[in-house]
Amino acid sequence: MTKHALTRRQYLAAAGAGALALGLNAPRRAAAAETVRQGYQTNIWGMPTYYLMKSGYLEKHGISAQDFAVPSGNITMQQMVAGQVDLGTYAGPSFIIGNVKGGIVAIAVIEHVGKTARITARKDLNITKVEQLRGKRIANLTGSSVGNDLVDVVLPHYGLHKGDYQEIRMNVNDMVAALAAKTVDAMVNVEPYNVIAVADGIGSDLLDFSQFDKMPVFMAATAEMVEKRPDVIVAYLKAWLDAAKDFKNDQKKVNDVIYAFYASKGYKMSADTFTTAMSRVEVNPGFPDLKSYMQQQAEILIQNKTIKTVPDWSKALRPDFMEKAKAGA
């Protein structure tokens, strides 16, 4: 053996060191993005989530979203119960039903939308009071949170109970056309459909729901996601905290993205009309203490035999994910 020759042990050690050096100097491959199946409704309640998916903040936190658009959040809830979607937004009643039926878990409160839920009557009927809806045909998305609030809380406040009016089951995105065709006399709907009806001279606003219910909208996750991908949930909520800054500091940027969505779907409304609709959404991701509020909502659903049991709030409401997101933001 010459003095330049290497023993087998020396050769393997040198080769290993070389490989290590190459590994340290080589560009790192980006980690694969975690894919989440995101449900959202195409009314104004779902638009903060739509903005989140278009903002780039999910990608910033290593998440890729596969979107599932539906007319109303209660449909997203049903998809989640069936295991077809991982995440979605809806108000208290739909969340409670989803928890009882499928163990869905609330991971954040994204927004308050009581001002967006409204009763709008046909303008030509000159209806100015809710009491005047007695005997009228009211378009309602039966089973939705707004629909439940209408039947269980709002109309009874004015002395109107089931049987005092004709409830016409209808998707929210079909209601303005029904008003225009005079096949219904009023609609309970959410923005931007109410503001479109008013701007087009078809409808007149009677009231919004905020005096009865501020309507917190929850971001919910399936039980499977909570159990198996808690770190993804925290990263996802960090993206929401980034998006919230745009809603607070750059509303024009937000509005431009969402306005483009409605324009792409063929909705014709002025920028001022759209701005009015967006002003009725209060976006502030967090997790306030809502146990008392949710208990009241659950008791209404039990009274009306929609559910049989009250959720275990310690399992149904999980503020700890948002707390971790804020701590690591």
Foldseek 3Di string as FASTA:
>chain_A
DDPPDDDPVRVVVVVVVVVVVCVVPDDDDDDAAAEFEEEAELFPVRLLVVCLQVVCLSVVLRYHYRYDYDNAQLVVLVCVQVVNGFKYKAFQLSLQLSCQRRNKAFAKFFWFQQQFWFKKFFVVVVDQALLVQFAFEEEEQPPGPSRLCVALPVSVVVVDHPVRYHYDHDRQVCVLVCLVVVVGGMYGHGPPSRLLCVVVNGIDTRGTRCVPGSTTMTIIGGPVCVVPPLVSLLSSVLSSVVSVVCVVPPVVVSLVSSVVVVVVVVDDDDSVSSVVRNVSMGTDMAADDCPVVSVVSVVSCCVVPVDPDGDPCVSRYDRPSVVSSVVVD
